[in-house]
Amino acid sequence: MAHVEPAHLVELALGNATSTDADAEALRHVEECGRCGDELRVLTRLVTAARTAQLVDLPTAPPKRVWQRISGELSPETNAPGPPRHNPDRRKRALLALLALAAAAGVAVARRCLHERSRFVRGLLR
């Protein structure tokens, strides 16, 4: 069997696997293939980290002096606005953190996929 597609590994890591033959075959392959197994473990850790993120894990807003300095450097002759007054609530911040983690996972999977394709093409050209 060929390696499990990165998108399928993401679905398995998210726990979205169903009892289809394709999922069963993918899981059998993951058990036997070190590379796919490692990738699934990394993705599973990423999903677990995203799902267990707490508010204290998220970045905080910069101090007011940072906004003042940025404003001063951008427009020293005018009164530039200060920091944004609206702070997103906890759910929005948690969602943003999850989206950032999902984006990071997507980038990692895409990079891996492109790397494998380039290796495959180089193999064909030899």
C-alpha atoms as a PDB file:
ATOM      1  CA  MET A   1       0.000   0.000   0.000  1.00  0.00           C
ATOM      2  CA  ALA A   2       1.128   3.534  -0.700  1.00  0.00           C
ATOM      3  CA  HIS A   3       1.640   5.914   2.189  1.00  0.00           C
ATOM      4  CA  VAL A   4      -1.471   7.373   3.791  1.00  0.00           C
ATOM      5  CA  GLU A   5      -2.441  10.729   2.293  1.00  0.00           C
ATOM      6  CA  PRO A   6      -1.646  13.680   4.605  1.00  0.00           C
ATOM      7  CA  ALA A   7      -5.292  14.784   4.647  1.00  0.00           C
ATOM      8  CA  HIS A   8      -6.333  11.289   5.719  1.00  0.00           C
ATOM      9  CA  LEU A   9      -3.733  11.350   8.520  1.00  0.00           C
ATOM     10  CA  VAL A  10      -5.200  14.650   9.708  1.00  0.00           C
ATOM     11  CA  GLU A  11      -8.686  13.122   9.777  1.00  0.00           C
ATOM     12  CA  LEU A  12      -7.373  10.165  11.769  1.00  0.00           C
ATOM     13  CA  ALA A  13      -5.604  12.501  14.214  1.00  0.00           C
ATOM     14  CA  LEU A  14      -8.767  14.542  14.655  1.00  0.00           C
ATOM     15  CA  GLY A  15     -10.659  11.357  15.476  1.00  0.00           C
ATOM     16  CA  ASN A  16     -12.867  11.681  12.406  1.00  0.00           C
ATOM     17  CA  ALA A  17     -12.089   8.159  11.251  1.00  0.00           C
ATOM     18  CA  THR A  18     -15.080   6.048  10.402  1.00  0.00           C
ATOM     19  CA  SER A  19     -15.341   2.293  10.151  1.00  0.00           C
ATOM     20  CA  THR A  20     -14.739   2.242   6.411  1.00  0.00           C
ATOM     21  CA  ASP A  21     -12.353  -0.107   4.656  1.00  0.00           C
ATOM     22  CA  ALA A  22     -10.165   2.855   3.688  1.00  0.00           C
ATOM     23  CA  ASP A  23      -9.727   3.901   7.331  1.00  0.00           C
ATOM     24  CA  ALA A  24      -9.029   0.336   8.442  1.00  0.00           C
ATOM     25  CA  GLU A  25      -6.456  -0.061   5.690  1.00  0.00           C
ATOM     26  CA  ALA A  26      -4.874   3.300   6.566  1.00  0.00           C
ATOM     27  CA  LEU A  27      -4.615   2.335  10.233  1.00  0.00           C
ATOM     28  CA  ARG A  28      -3.018  -1.008   9.317  1.00  0.00           C
ATOM     29  CA  HIS A  29      -0.491   0.846   7.166  1.00  0.00           C
ATOM     30  CA  VAL A  30       0.242   3.339   9.966  1.00  0.00           C
ATOM     31  CA  GLU A  31       1.007   0.432  12.314  1.00  0.00           C
ATOM     32  CA  GLU A  32       3.561  -0.962   9.853  1.00  0.00           C
ATOM     33  CA  CYS A  33       5.034   2.226   8.386  1.00  0.00           C
ATOM     34  CA  GLY A  34       7.374   4.198  10.637  1.00  0.00           C
ATOM     35  CA  ARG A  35       7.049   7.411   8.647  1.00  0.00           C
ATOM     36  CA  CYS A  36       3.244   7.440   8.597  1.00  0.00           C
ATOM     37  CA  GLY A  37       3.142   6.341  12.237  1.00  0.00           C
ATOM     38  CA  ASP A  38       5.452   9.175  13.261  1.00  0.00           C
ATOM     39  CA  GLU A  39       3.430  11.703  11.301  1.00  0.00           C
ATOM     40  CA  LEU A  40       0.162  10.497  12.862  1.00  0.00           C
ATOM     41  CA  ARG A  41       1.700  10.711  16.359  1.00  0.00           C
ATOM     42  CA  VAL A  42       2.850  14.305  15.724  1.00  0.00           C
ATOM     43  CA  LEU A  43      -0.553  15.307  14.374  1.00  0.00           C
ATOM     44  CA  THR A  44      -2.311  13.618  17.297  1.00  0.00           C
ATOM     45  CA  ARG A  45      -0.121  15.513  19.785  1.00  0.00           C
ATOM     46  CA  LEU A  46      -0.924  18.757  17.953  1.00  0.00           C
ATOM     47  CA  VAL A  47      -4.671  18.062  18.080  1.00  0.00           C
ATOM     48  CA  THR A  48      -4.456  17.172  21.779  1.00  0.00           C
ATOM     49  CA  ALA A  49      -2.526  20.368  22.519  1.00  0.00           C
ATOM     50  CA  ALA A  50      -5.063  22.454  20.619  1.00  0.00           C
ATOM     51  CA  ARG A  51      -8.020  20.844  22.358  1.00  0.00           C
ATOM     52  CA  THR A  52      -6.530  21.261  25.818  1.00  0.00           C
ATOM     53  CA  ALA A  53      -5.314  24.856  25.358  1.00  0.00           C
ATOM     54  CA  GLN A  54      -6.215  27.139  28.228  1.00  0.00           C
ATOM     55  CA  LEU A  55      -6.554  30.905  28.267  1.00  0.00           C
ATOM     56  CA  VAL A  56      -3.216  31.184  30.084  1.00  0.00           C
ATOM     57  CA  ASP A  57      -1.571  29.366  27.156  1.00  0.00           C
ATOM     58  CA  LEU A  58      -2.592  32.080  24.718  1.00  0.00           C
ATOM     59  CA  PRO A  59      -0.511  35.170  24.036  1.00  0.00           C
ATOM     60  CA  THR A  60      -1.493  38.328  25.851  1.00  0.00           C
ATOM     61  CA  ALA A  61      -1.926  41.777  24.405  1.00  0.00           C
ATOM     62  CA  PRO A  62       1.216  43.916  24.390  1.00  0.00           C
ATOM     63  CA  PRO A  63       1.530  46.662  27.006  1.00  0.00           C
ATOM     64  CA  LYS A  64       0.211  50.133  26.176  1.00  0.00           C
ATOM     65  CA  ARG A  65       3.736  51.512  25.830  1.00  0.00           C
ATOM     66  CA  VAL A  66       4.326  49.192  22.845  1.00  0.00           C
ATOM     67  CA  TRP A  67       1.318  50.637  21.017  1.00  0.00           C
ATOM     68  CA  GLN A  68       2.442  54.145  21.888  1.00  0.00           C
ATOM     69  CA  ARG A  69       5.903  53.527  20.473  1.00  0.00           C
ATOM     70  CA  ILE A  70       4.512  51.989  17.293  1.00  0.00           C
ATOM     71  CA  SER A  71       2.132  54.911  16.884  1.00  0.00           C
ATOM     72  CA  GLY A  72       4.928  57.401  17.490  1.00  0.00           C
ATOM     73  CA  GLU A  73       7.179  55.816  14.895  1.00  0.00           C
ATOM     74  CA  LEU A  74       4.435  55.554  12.294  1.00  0.00           C
ATOM     75  CA  SER A  75       3.127  59.076  12.585  1.00  0.00           C
ATOM     76  CA  PRO A  76       5.175  61.266  14.926  1.00  0.00           C
ATOM     77  CA  GLU A  77       3.324  64.462  13.994  1.00  0.00           C
ATOM     78  CA  THR A  78      -0.206  63.201  14.589  1.00  0.00           C
ATOM     79  CA  ASN A  79      -2.053  61.581  17.432  1.00  0.00           C
ATOM     80  CA  ALA A  80      -2.219  58.004  16.280  1.00  0.00           C
ATOM     81  CA  PRO A  81      -4.778  55.702  17.846  1.00  0.00           C
ATOM     82  CA  GLY A  82      -3.808  53.590  20.815  1.00  0.00           C
ATOM     83  CA  PRO A  83      -4.265  49.877  21.192  1.00  0.00           C
ATOM     84  CA  PRO A  84      -7.508  48.308  20.098  1.00  0.00           C
ATOM     85  CA  ARG A  85     -10.137  48.711  22.784  1.00  0.00           C
ATOM     86  CA  HIS A  86     -11.999  45.508  22.073  1.00  0.00           C
ATOM     87  CA  ASN A  87     -10.568  42.378  23.651  1.00  0.00           C
ATOM     88  CA  PRO A  88     -12.014  39.173  22.253  1.00  0.00           C
ATOM     89  CA  ASP A  89     -13.700  36.951  24.782  1.00  0.00           C
ATOM     90  CA  ARG A  90     -12.235  33.617  25.876  1.00  0.00           C
ATOM     91  CA  ARG A  91     -14.026  31.523  23.279  1.00  0.00           C
ATOM     92  CA  LYS A  92     -12.839  33.705  20.437  1.00  0.00           C
ATOM     93  CA  ARG A  93      -9.270  33.595  21.716  1.00  0.00           C
ATOM     94  CA  ALA A  94      -9.420  29.819  22.089  1.00  0.00           C
ATOM     95  CA  LEU A  95     -10.837  29.526  18.574  1.00  0.00           C
ATOM     96  CA  LEU A  96      -8.034  31.721  17.213  1.00  0.00           C
ATOM     97  CA  ALA A  97      -5.467  29.530  18.945  1.00  0.00           C
ATOM     98  CA  LEU A  98      -7.057  26.401  17.498  1.00  0.00           C
ATOM     99  CA  LEU A  99      -7.126  27.939  14.040  1.00  0.00           C
ATOM    100  CA  ALA A 100      -3.464  28.881  14.352  1.00  0.00           C
ATOM    101  CA  LEU A 101      -2.585  25.330  15.370  1.00  0.00           C
ATOM    102  CA  ALA A 102      -4.677  23.900  12.553  1.00  0.00           C
ATOM    103  CA  ALA A 103      -2.941  26.218  10.094  1.00  0.00           C
ATOM    104  CA  ALA A 104       0.446  25.120  11.415  1.00  0.00           C
ATOM    105  CA  ALA A 105      -0.569  21.479  11.003  1.00  0.00           C
ATOM    106  CA  GLY A 106      -1.792  22.178   7.484  1.00  0.00           C
ATOM    107  CA  VAL A 107       1.487  23.847   6.561  1.00  0.00           C
ATOM    108  CA  ALA A 108       3.463  20.934   7.992  1.00  0.00           C
ATOM    109  CA  VAL A 109       1.369  18.403   6.088  1.00  0.00           C
ATOM    110  CA  ALA A 110       1.592  20.416   2.856  1.00  0.00           C
ATOM    111  CA  ARG A 111       5.365  20.721   3.188  1.00  0.00           C
ATOM    112  CA  ARG A 112       5.659  16.990   3.773  1.00  0.00           C
ATOM    113  CA  CYS A 113       3.441  16.259   0.783  1.00  0.00           C
ATOM    114  CA  LEU A 114       5.445  18.574  -1.497  1.00  0.00           C
ATOM    115  CA  HIS A 115       8.680  17.045  -0.265  1.00  0.00           C
ATOM    116  CA  GLU A 116       7.437  13.547  -1.052  1.00  0.00           C
ATOM    117  CA  ARG A 117       6.194  14.574  -4.485  1.00  0.00           C
ATOM    118  CA  SER A 118       9.524  16.198  -5.346  1.00  0.00           C
ATOM    119  CA  ARG A 119      11.335  13.018  -4.243  1.00  0.00           C
ATOM    120  CA  PHE A 120       8.974  10.982  -6.400  1.00  0.00           C
ATOM    121  CA  VAL A 121       9.534  13.210  -9.455  1.00  0.00           C
ATOM    122  CA  ARG A 122      13.298  13.175  -8.944  1.00  0.00           C
ATOM    123  CA  GLY A 123      13.100   9.372  -8.834  1.00  0.00           C
ATOM    124  CA  LEU A 124      11.233   9.323 -12.121  1.00  0.00           C
ATOM    125  CA  LEU A 125      13.779  11.611 -13.770  1.00  0.00           C
ATOM    126  CA  ARG A 126      16.737   9.426 -12.835  1.00  0.00           C
END
